[in-house]
Amino acid sequence: MIIAVTGLPGTGKTTFARSLAHAVGTIHLNTDIVRHLLHMRGRYQPEDKARVYDALFTKLEDAIKLGKHVVVDGTFYSSELRTRLREVGDKHDIPVTWIELQADEEVIRKRVVRHREYSEADFDAYQAVKAQYEPIKCMHLVLRSDRMTPGEMTKTALSFLNIEPAEMDKSKS
């Protein structure tokens, strides 16, 4: 299974995705960490974003080939990126489930001023991505990170996914 965590900058994608990956006993891939590993911090031109997503998809394919389930997080702001992820799932006969995080803009404004290990997104970046963010058209779970704790969101996601904690990890044993 591929669990894709999407949303605007500052919505809490990475915090939630790490919690969810831990709960299901699988790996977590993240666009900000990929950008860091590629030494591309501060580079957000379209060709830079494409390179980061290309590397993310390569890491995803590598994990799938090893028989891993994956929680992947990034803005996935365009239908093109979402289609590409679905195509990876289709290619490997693996379902892709989408979880979108949302939060009120004032909460995001406060969050993005805090230092985060990998994310560089500030409020200007939030607004830029918001202007480009295309609505998700497939069935997906929406979680409000400004109204729920990461633990509550993880519990809700596990219920939505119909998974017991660490069930995926046990299935690969």
N, C-alpha and C. Protein backbone atom coordinates (compact mmCIF):
# COMPACT_ATOMS: atom_id res chain seq x y z
N MET A 1 0.84 -1.19 0.00
CA MET A 1 0.00 0.00 0.00
C MET A 1 0.88 1.24 0.00
N ILE A 2 0.43 2.22 -0.73
CA ILE A 2 1.04 3.54 -0.72
C ILE A 2 0.03 4.48 -0.06
N ILE A 3 0.44 5.12 1.01
CA ILE A 3 -0.39 6.11 1.68
C ILE A 3 0.23 7.46 1.40
N ALA A 4 -0.48 8.29 0.66
CA ALA A 4 0.03 9.59 0.26
C ALA A 4 -0.58 10.67 1.15
N VAL A 5 0.28 11.42 1.82
CA VAL A 5 -0.15 12.51 2.69
C VAL A 5 0.14 13.81 1.95
N THR A 6 -0.91 14.56 1.70
CA THR A 6 -0.81 15.78 0.92
C THR A 6 -1.39 16.95 1.71
N GLY A 7 -1.12 18.15 1.22
CA GLY A 7 -1.65 19.35 1.85
C GLY A 7 -0.70 20.51 1.65
N LEU A 8 -1.15 21.66 2.00
CA LEU A 8 -0.34 22.87 1.86
C LEU A 8 0.78 22.91 2.89
N PRO A 9 1.81 23.71 2.65
CA PRO A 9 2.86 23.86 3.66
C PRO A 9 2.28 24.30 5.00
N GLY A 10 2.85 23.75 6.06
CA GLY A 10 2.43 24.14 7.40
C GLY A 10 1.21 23.42 7.94
N THR A 11 0.66 22.48 7.18
CA THR A 11 -0.52 21.76 7.66
C THR A 11 -0.16 20.58 8.57
N GLY A 12 1.11 20.26 8.68
CA GLY A 12 1.52 19.18 9.58
C GLY A 12 1.70 17.84 8.90
N LYS A 13 1.92 17.85 7.60
CA LYS A 13 2.06 16.60 6.84
C LYS A 13 3.14 15.69 7.40
N THR A 14 4.31 16.24 7.60
CA THR A 14 5.44 15.39 8.01
C THR A 14 5.27 14.84 9.41
N THR A 15 4.82 15.66 10.34
CA THR A 15 4.58 15.18 11.70
C THR A 15 3.58 14.04 11.68
N PHE A 16 2.49 14.23 10.95
CA PHE A 16 1.47 13.19 10.85
C PHE A 16 2.00 11.96 10.11
N ALA A 17 2.67 12.17 8.97
CA ALA A 17 3.16 11.04 8.17
C ALA A 17 4.14 10.18 8.96
N ARG A 18 5.01 10.81 9.74
CA ARG A 18 5.94 10.05 10.59
C ARG A 18 5.16 9.22 11.62
N SER A 19 4.16 9.83 12.23
CA SER A 19 3.35 9.12 13.21
C SER A 19 2.63 7.94 12.57
N LEU A 20 2.06 8.17 11.41
CA LEU A 20 1.33 7.10 10.72
C LEU A 20 2.27 5.99 10.28
N ALA A 21 3.42 6.32 9.72
CA ALA A 21 4.39 5.31 9.29
C ALA A 21 4.83 4.46 10.48
N HIS A 22 5.07 5.11 11.61
CA HIS A 22 5.44 4.38 12.82
C HIS A 22 4.31 3.44 13.26
N ALA A 23 3.09 3.94 13.23
CA ALA A 23 1.94 3.15 13.68
C ALA A 23 1.72 1.92 12.81
N VAL A 24 1.97 2.03 11.52
CA VAL A 24 1.75 0.88 10.63
C VAL A 24 3.03 0.08 10.39
N GLY A 25 4.14 0.54 10.94
CA GLY A 25 5.38 -0.20 10.84
C GLY A 25 5.97 -0.20 9.44
N THR A 26 5.94 0.95 8.80
CA THR A 26 6.46 1.02 7.44
C THR A 26 7.36 2.24 7.27
N ILE A 27 7.86 2.45 6.07
CA ILE A 27 8.80 3.56 5.85
C ILE A 27 8.06 4.84 5.47
N HIS A 28 8.76 5.93 5.66
CA HIS A 28 8.23 7.26 5.38
C HIS A 28 9.17 7.95 4.40
N LEU A 29 8.63 8.45 3.31
CA LEU A 29 9.40 9.25 2.35
C LEU A 29 8.81 10.65 2.32
N ASN A 30 9.69 11.66 2.16
CA ASN A 30 9.27 13.05 2.28
C ASN A 30 10.02 13.92 1.28
N THR A 31 9.31 14.80 0.62
CA THR A 31 9.93 15.67 -0.39
C THR A 31 10.98 16.61 0.21
N ASP A 32 10.74 17.13 1.41
CA ASP A 32 11.72 18.04 2.01
C ASP A 32 13.03 17.33 2.32
N ILE A 33 12.94 16.08 2.79
CA ILE A 33 14.16 15.32 3.07
C ILE A 33 14.88 14.98 1.77
N VAL A 34 14.13 14.61 0.75
CA VAL A 34 14.73 14.34 -0.57
C VAL A 34 15.44 15.59 -1.08
N ARG A 35 14.80 16.75 -0.97
CA ARG A 35 15.41 18.02 -1.39
C ARG A 35 16.73 18.24 -0.64
N HIS A 36 16.74 17.98 0.65
CA HIS A 36 17.94 18.13 1.47
C HIS A 36 19.04 17.18 1.00
N LEU A 37 18.68 15.92 0.76
CA LEU A 37 19.66 14.93 0.33
C LEU A 37 20.25 15.25 -1.05
N LEU A 38 19.46 15.92 -1.88
CA LEU A 38 19.93 16.33 -3.20
C LEU A 38 20.71 17.65 -3.17
N HIS A 39 20.88 18.22 -1.97
CA HIS A 39 21.57 19.51 -1.80
C HIS A 39 20.86 20.59 -2.62
N MET A 40 19.52 20.60 -2.53
CA MET A 40 18.71 21.55 -3.30
C MET A 40 17.88 22.47 -2.41
N ARG A 41 18.30 22.60 -1.16
CA ARG A 41 17.56 23.50 -0.28
C ARG A 41 17.53 24.90 -0.89
N GLY A 42 16.37 25.54 -0.80
CA GLY A 42 16.21 26.88 -1.33
C GLY A 42 15.95 26.94 -2.82
N ARG A 43 15.85 25.80 -3.46
CA ARG A 43 15.63 25.76 -4.91
C ARG A 43 14.22 25.26 -5.19
N TYR A 44 13.37 26.15 -5.70
CA TYR A 44 11.96 25.82 -5.90
C TYR A 44 11.44 26.18 -7.28
N GLN A 45 12.34 26.34 -8.24
CA GLN A 45 11.89 26.57 -9.60
C GLN A 45 11.21 25.29 -10.11
N PRO A 46 10.36 25.38 -11.12
CA PRO A 46 9.67 24.18 -11.61
C PRO A 46 10.61 23.01 -11.91
N GLU A 47 11.77 23.28 -12.50
CA GLU A 47 12.70 22.18 -12.81
C GLU A 47 13.29 21.59 -11.53
N ASP A 48 13.44 22.40 -10.47
CA ASP A 48 13.93 21.90 -9.19
C ASP A 48 12.88 21.00 -8.53
N LYS A 49 11.64 21.46 -8.55
CA LYS A 49 10.56 20.65 -7.99
C LYS A 49 10.45 19.32 -8.73
N ALA A 50 10.58 19.37 -10.06
CA ALA A 50 10.52 18.15 -10.86
C ALA A 50 11.62 17.19 -10.47
N ARG A 51 12.81 17.70 -10.26
CA ARG A 51 13.94 16.84 -9.87
C ARG A 51 13.69 16.20 -8.50
N VAL A 52 13.15 16.96 -7.56
CA VAL A 52 12.85 16.42 -6.24
C VAL A 52 11.79 15.32 -6.34
N TYR A 53 10.71 15.57 -7.07
CA TYR A 53 9.68 14.55 -7.21
C TYR A 53 10.19 13.34 -7.98
N ASP A 54 11.04 13.55 -8.99
CA ASP A 54 11.65 12.41 -9.70
C ASP A 54 12.41 11.52 -8.73
N ALA A 55 13.21 12.14 -7.87
CA ALA A 55 13.98 11.37 -6.89
C ALA A 55 13.07 10.68 -5.88
N LEU A 56 12.00 11.36 -5.47
CA LEU A 56 11.04 10.77 -4.55
C LEU A 56 10.41 9.52 -5.18
N PHE A 57 10.00 9.64 -6.44
CA PHE A 57 9.39 8.49 -7.11
C PHE A 57 10.38 7.35 -7.29
N THR A 58 11.65 7.65 -7.50
CA THR A 58 12.67 6.60 -7.59
C THR A 58 12.80 5.88 -6.26
N LYS A 59 12.85 6.64 -5.16
CA LYS A 59 12.93 6.03 -3.83
C LYS A 59 11.68 5.19 -3.55
N LEU A 60 10.53 5.67 -3.98
CA LEU A 60 9.29 4.93 -3.80
C LEU A 60 9.33 3.61 -4.56
N GLU A 61 9.75 3.66 -5.81
CA GLU A 61 9.85 2.44 -6.62
C GLU A 61 10.83 1.46 -5.98
N ASP A 62 11.95 1.95 -5.48
CA ASP A 62 12.93 1.08 -4.83
C ASP A 62 12.32 0.39 -3.62
N ALA A 63 11.56 1.13 -2.82
CA ALA A 63 10.91 0.56 -1.63
C ALA A 63 9.88 -0.50 -2.04
N ILE A 64 9.12 -0.21 -3.06
CA ILE A 64 8.10 -1.17 -3.54
C ILE A 64 8.77 -2.45 -4.01
N LYS A 65 9.88 -2.32 -4.73
CA LYS A 65 10.60 -3.51 -5.23
C LYS A 65 11.11 -4.37 -4.08
N LEU A 66 11.34 -3.76 -2.93
CA LEU A 66 11.77 -4.50 -1.74
C LEU A 66 10.58 -5.05 -0.95
N GLY A 67 9.37 -4.83 -1.49
CA GLY A 67 8.17 -5.34 -0.83
C GLY A 67 7.67 -4.48 0.31
N LYS A 68 8.09 -3.23 0.35
CA LYS A 68 7.71 -2.33 1.45
C LYS A 68 6.42 -1.59 1.14
N HIS A 69 5.66 -1.34 2.18
CA HIS A 69 4.57 -0.38 2.12
C HIS A 69 5.19 0.97 2.44
N VAL A 70 4.58 2.05 1.94
CA VAL A 70 5.21 3.36 2.09
C VAL A 70 4.18 4.43 2.45
N VAL A 71 4.56 5.29 3.39
CA VAL A 71 3.84 6.53 3.64
C VAL A 71 4.71 7.62 3.01
N VAL A 72 4.14 8.32 2.05
CA VAL A 72 4.88 9.34 1.33
C VAL A 72 4.21 10.69 1.55
N ASP A 73 5.02 11.72 1.87
CA ASP A 73 4.40 13.02 2.09
C ASP A 73 5.09 14.12 1.32
N GLY A 74 4.25 14.99 0.80
CA GLY A 74 4.66 16.16 0.03
C GLY A 74 3.40 16.93 -0.31
N THR A 75 3.56 18.09 -0.90
CA THR A 75 2.35 18.84 -1.23
C THR A 75 1.54 18.16 -2.33
N PHE A 76 2.22 17.46 -3.26
CA PHE A 76 1.51 16.84 -4.39
C PHE A 76 0.44 17.81 -4.89
N TYR A 77 0.87 19.04 -5.14
CA TYR A 77 -0.03 20.16 -5.41
C TYR A 77 -0.76 20.08 -6.74
N SER A 78 -0.28 19.24 -7.67
CA SER A 78 -0.91 19.20 -8.99
C SER A 78 -1.52 17.84 -9.28
N SER A 79 -2.54 17.85 -10.11
CA SER A 79 -3.15 16.58 -10.52
C SER A 79 -2.14 15.73 -11.29
N GLU A 80 -1.21 16.37 -11.96
CA GLU A 80 -0.16 15.64 -12.70
C GLU A 80 0.69 14.79 -11.74
N LEU A 81 1.10 15.37 -10.61
CA LEU A 81 1.88 14.62 -9.63
C LEU A 81 1.06 13.50 -9.01
N ARG A 82 -0.20 13.76 -8.75
CA ARG A 82 -1.08 12.74 -8.17
C ARG A 82 -1.30 11.60 -9.16
N THR A 83 -1.48 11.95 -10.42
CA THR A 83 -1.64 10.92 -11.45
C THR A 83 -0.38 10.07 -11.55
N ARG A 84 0.75 10.72 -11.50
CA ARG A 84 2.01 9.98 -11.56
C ARG A 84 2.14 9.00 -10.40
N LEU A 85 1.72 9.41 -9.21
CA LEU A 85 1.78 8.50 -8.06
C LEU A 85 0.80 7.34 -8.26
N ARG A 86 -0.38 7.64 -8.73
CA ARG A 86 -1.36 6.57 -9.00
C ARG A 86 -0.81 5.59 -10.03
N GLU A 87 -0.12 6.10 -11.04
CA GLU A 87 0.46 5.24 -12.07
C GLU A 87 1.53 4.32 -11.50
N VAL A 88 2.31 4.80 -10.54
CA VAL A 88 3.29 3.94 -9.87
C VAL A 88 2.55 2.81 -9.15
N GLY A 89 1.48 3.17 -8.43
CA GLY A 89 0.69 2.15 -7.76
C GLY A 89 0.11 1.15 -8.74
N ASP A 90 -0.47 1.65 -9.83
CA ASP A 90 -1.06 0.76 -10.85
C ASP A 90 -0.01 -0.17 -11.43
N LYS A 91 1.16 0.36 -11.73
CA LYS A 91 2.25 -0.43 -12.31
C LYS A 91 2.61 -1.63 -11.43
N HIS A 92 2.54 -1.43 -10.12
CA HIS A 92 2.91 -2.48 -9.17
C HIS A 92 1.70 -3.16 -8.54
N ASP A 93 0.51 -2.82 -9.03
CA ASP A 93 -0.73 -3.37 -8.50
C ASP A 93 -0.87 -3.12 -7.00
N ILE A 94 -0.57 -1.88 -6.62
CA ILE A 94 -0.62 -1.46 -5.22
C ILE A 94 -1.58 -0.27 -5.11
N PRO A 95 -2.53 -0.35 -4.20
CA PRO A 95 -3.45 0.80 -4.06
C PRO A 95 -2.75 2.02 -3.47
N VAL A 96 -3.22 3.18 -3.90
CA VAL A 96 -2.75 4.45 -3.35
C VAL A 96 -3.93 5.08 -2.62
N THR A 97 -3.73 5.39 -1.37
CA THR A 97 -4.76 6.04 -0.57
C THR A 97 -4.27 7.43 -0.21
N TRP A 98 -5.14 8.42 -0.42
CA TRP A 98 -4.80 9.82 -0.19
C TRP A 98 -5.37 10.31 1.13
N ILE A 99 -4.52 11.03 1.87
CA ILE A 99 -4.94 11.71 3.09
C ILE A 99 -4.48 13.16 2.96
N GLU A 100 -5.44 14.07 3.03
CA GLU A 100 -5.14 15.49 2.88
C GLU A 100 -5.23 16.18 4.24
N LEU A 101 -4.17 16.90 4.60
CA LEU A 101 -4.18 17.67 5.83
C LEU A 101 -4.53 19.12 5.53
N GLN A 102 -5.33 19.68 6.40
CA GLN A 102 -5.74 21.07 6.29
C GLN A 102 -5.63 21.74 7.65
N ALA A 103 -5.51 23.05 7.63
CA ALA A 103 -5.50 23.86 8.86
C ALA A 103 -5.87 25.28 8.48
N ASP A 104 -6.42 26.01 9.44
CA ASP A 104 -6.75 27.41 9.21
C ASP A 104 -5.48 28.20 8.90
N GLU A 105 -5.62 29.20 8.06
CA GLU A 105 -4.48 29.99 7.61
C GLU A 105 -3.75 30.67 8.76
N GLU A 106 -4.46 31.12 9.77
CA GLU A 106 -3.80 31.77 10.90
C GLU A 106 -2.93 30.79 11.68
N VAL A 107 -3.37 29.54 11.77
CA VAL A 107 -2.57 28.51 12.43
C VAL A 107 -1.31 28.25 11.59
N ILE A 108 -1.48 28.16 10.30
CA ILE A 108 -0.34 27.94 9.41
C ILE A 108 0.65 29.09 9.51
N ARG A 109 0.14 30.31 9.55
CA ARG A 109 1.01 31.49 9.66
C ARG A 109 1.91 31.36 10.90
N LYS A 110 1.36 30.88 12.01
CA LYS A 110 2.15 30.71 13.24
C LYS A 110 3.12 29.54 13.13
N ARG A 111 2.69 28.47 12.47
CA ARG A 111 3.55 27.29 12.37
C ARG A 111 4.77 27.52 11.50
N VAL A 112 4.60 28.19 10.39
CA VAL A 112 5.71 28.28 9.43
C VAL A 112 6.83 29.23 9.86
N VAL A 113 6.61 30.01 10.91
CA VAL A 113 7.70 30.85 11.40
C VAL A 113 8.65 30.06 12.31
N ARG A 114 8.19 28.90 12.80
CA ARG A 114 9.02 28.05 13.65
C ARG A 114 10.02 27.29 12.80
N HIS A 115 11.20 27.07 13.36
CA HIS A 115 12.21 26.28 12.66
C HIS A 115 11.76 24.82 12.59
N ARG A 116 11.87 24.26 11.40
CA ARG A 116 11.62 22.83 11.19
C ARG A 116 12.86 22.24 10.55
N GLU A 117 13.19 21.03 10.89
CA GLU A 117 14.46 20.44 10.48
C GLU A 117 14.69 20.48 8.97
N TYR A 118 13.68 20.13 8.19
CA TYR A 118 13.88 20.04 6.75
C TYR A 118 13.06 21.05 5.95
N SER A 119 11.91 21.41 6.43
CA SER A 119 11.05 22.31 5.67
C SER A 119 11.56 23.74 5.74
N GLU A 120 11.57 24.37 4.59
CA GLU A 120 11.95 25.78 4.51
C GLU A 120 10.75 26.68 4.25
N ALA A 121 9.58 26.08 4.13
CA ALA A 121 8.40 26.83 3.73
C ALA A 121 8.04 27.90 4.76
N ASP A 122 7.95 29.12 4.28
CA ASP A 122 7.47 30.22 5.10
C ASP A 122 6.06 30.59 4.62
N PHE A 123 5.52 31.68 5.10
CA PHE A 123 4.14 32.03 4.72
C PHE A 123 4.04 32.39 3.25
N ASP A 124 5.09 32.99 2.69
CA ASP A 124 5.08 33.29 1.25
C ASP A 124 5.03 32.00 0.43
N ALA A 125 5.79 31.00 0.87
CA ALA A 125 5.77 29.70 0.17
C ALA A 125 4.39 29.07 0.29
N TYR A 126 3.80 29.16 1.48
CA TYR A 126 2.44 28.65 1.68
C TYR A 126 1.49 29.29 0.66
N GLN A 127 1.55 30.62 0.55
CA GLN A 127 0.65 31.32 -0.37
C GLN A 127 0.91 30.94 -1.82
N ALA A 128 2.18 30.76 -2.18
CA ALA A 128 2.52 30.38 -3.56
C ALA A 128 1.98 28.99 -3.89
N VAL A 129 2.13 28.05 -2.97
CA VAL A 129 1.62 26.69 -3.21
C VAL A 129 0.10 26.70 -3.20
N LYS A 130 -0.48 27.48 -2.30
CA LYS A 130 -1.94 27.58 -2.25
C LYS A 130 -2.51 28.03 -3.59
N ALA A 131 -1.82 28.96 -4.25
CA ALA A 131 -2.28 29.47 -5.55
C ALA A 131 -2.21 28.40 -6.64
N GLN A 132 -1.31 27.43 -6.47
CA GLN A 132 -1.13 26.37 -7.46
C GLN A 132 -1.86 25.08 -7.11
N TYR A 133 -2.28 24.94 -5.87
CA TYR A 133 -2.82 23.68 -5.35
C TYR A 133 -4.16 23.34 -6.03
N GLU A 134 -4.18 22.20 -6.68
CA GLU A 134 -5.39 21.74 -7.36
C GLU A 134 -6.17 20.81 -6.43
N PRO A 135 -7.48 20.94 -6.40
CA PRO A 135 -8.28 20.08 -5.52
C PRO A 135 -8.09 18.60 -5.86
N ILE A 136 -8.16 17.78 -4.83
CA ILE A 136 -8.09 16.33 -5.03
C ILE A 136 -9.48 15.87 -5.47
N LYS A 137 -9.53 15.13 -6.56
CA LYS A 137 -10.82 14.72 -7.11
C LYS A 137 -11.21 13.29 -6.75
N CYS A 138 -10.27 12.50 -6.26
CA CYS A 138 -10.61 11.13 -5.89
C CYS A 138 -11.04 11.08 -4.42
N MET A 139 -11.61 9.96 -4.01
CA MET A 139 -12.00 9.79 -2.62
C MET A 139 -10.74 9.86 -1.74
N HIS A 140 -10.84 10.60 -0.67
CA HIS A 140 -9.70 10.72 0.24
C HIS A 140 -10.18 11.17 1.62
N LEU A 141 -9.32 10.97 2.59
CA LEU A 141 -9.59 11.40 3.96
C LEU A 141 -9.03 12.80 4.16
N VAL A 142 -9.82 13.68 4.75
CA VAL A 142 -9.36 15.02 5.11
C VAL A 142 -9.23 15.08 6.63
N LEU A 143 -8.07 15.50 7.09
CA LEU A 143 -7.82 15.65 8.52
C LEU A 143 -7.46 17.10 8.80
N ARG A 144 -8.04 17.65 9.86
CA ARG A 144 -7.76 19.03 10.27
C ARG A 144 -6.71 19.00 11.38
N SER A 145 -5.47 19.33 11.02
CA SER A 145 -4.39 19.28 12.00
C SER A 145 -4.46 20.39 13.04
N ASP A 146 -5.32 21.36 12.81
CA ASP A 146 -5.50 22.42 13.80
C ASP A 146 -6.58 22.06 14.82
N ARG A 147 -7.24 20.93 14.62
CA ARG A 147 -8.31 20.51 15.52
C ARG A 147 -8.07 19.15 16.14
N MET A 148 -7.01 18.47 15.69
CA MET A 148 -6.70 17.13 16.18
C MET A 148 -5.21 17.03 16.48
N THR A 149 -4.85 16.18 17.43
CA THR A 149 -3.44 15.91 17.69
C THR A 149 -2.94 14.91 16.64
N PRO A 150 -1.62 14.81 16.49
CA PRO A 150 -1.10 13.79 15.58
C PRO A 150 -1.60 12.38 15.93
N GLY A 151 -1.71 12.09 17.21
CA GLY A 151 -2.21 10.79 17.64
C GLY A 151 -3.67 10.57 17.23
N GLU A 152 -4.49 11.59 17.40
CA GLU A 152 -5.89 11.48 16.99
C GLU A 152 -6.01 11.33 15.47
N MET A 153 -5.18 12.07 14.74
CA MET A 153 -5.21 11.94 13.28
C MET A 153 -4.77 10.55 12.85
N THR A 154 -3.74 10.02 13.52
CA THR A 154 -3.26 8.67 13.18
C THR A 154 -4.34 7.64 13.46
N LYS A 155 -5.00 7.75 14.58
CA LYS A 155 -6.08 6.81 14.92
C LYS A 155 -7.21 6.89 13.88
N THR A 156 -7.58 8.09 13.48
CA THR A 156 -8.62 8.28 12.46
C THR A 156 -8.17 7.68 11.13
N ALA A 157 -6.91 7.91 10.76
CA ALA A 157 -6.38 7.38 9.50
C ALA A 157 -6.37 5.85 9.52
N LEU A 158 -5.95 5.27 10.63
CA LEU A 158 -5.93 3.80 10.72
C LEU A 158 -7.33 3.23 10.55
N SER A 159 -8.31 3.89 11.12
CA SER A 159 -9.69 3.46 10.96
C SER A 159 -10.13 3.58 9.50
N PHE A 160 -9.81 4.70 8.87
CA PHE A 160 -10.14 4.92 7.46
C PHE A 160 -9.48 3.87 6.58
N LEU A 161 -8.24 3.54 6.89
CA LEU A 161 -7.49 2.55 6.12
C LEU A 161 -7.87 1.11 6.48
N ASN A 162 -8.63 0.97 7.56
CA ASN A 162 -9.02 -0.36 8.06
C ASN A 162 -7.79 -1.20 8.39
N ILE A 163 -6.85 -0.58 9.13
CA ILE A 163 -5.61 -1.23 9.51
C ILE A 163 -5.46 -1.16 11.03
N GLU A 164 -5.00 -2.24 11.60
CA GLU A 164 -4.60 -2.24 13.01
C GLU A 164 -3.17 -1.71 13.07
N PRO A 165 -2.79 -1.04 14.15
CA PRO A 165 -1.40 -0.56 14.25
C PRO A 165 -0.39 -1.67 14.00
N ALA A 166 0.60 -1.38 13.17
CA ALA A 166 1.70 -2.29 12.79
C ALA A 166 1.22 -3.54 12.06
N GLU A 167 -0.04 -3.55 11.59
CA GLU A 167 -0.56 -4.69 10.84
C GLU A 167 0.22 -4.91 9.55
N MET A 168 0.59 -3.82 8.89
CA MET A 168 1.33 -3.95 7.63
C MET A 168 2.67 -4.63 7.87
N ASP A 169 3.34 -4.22 8.93
CA ASP A 169 4.64 -4.79 9.24
C ASP A 169 4.53 -6.29 9.45
N LYS A 170 3.48 -6.73 10.17
CA LYS A 170 3.27 -8.16 10.42
C LYS A 170 3.00 -8.90 9.13
N SER A 171 2.32 -8.26 8.17
CA SER A 171 1.98 -8.95 6.93
C SER A 171 3.21 -9.23 6.09
N LYS A 172 4.30 -8.54 6.34
CA LYS A 172 5.53 -8.75 5.56
C LYS A 172 6.47 -9.73 6.22
N SER A 173 6.12 -10.24 7.40
CA SER A 173 7.00 -11.16 8.13
C SER A 173 6.99 -12.52 7.51
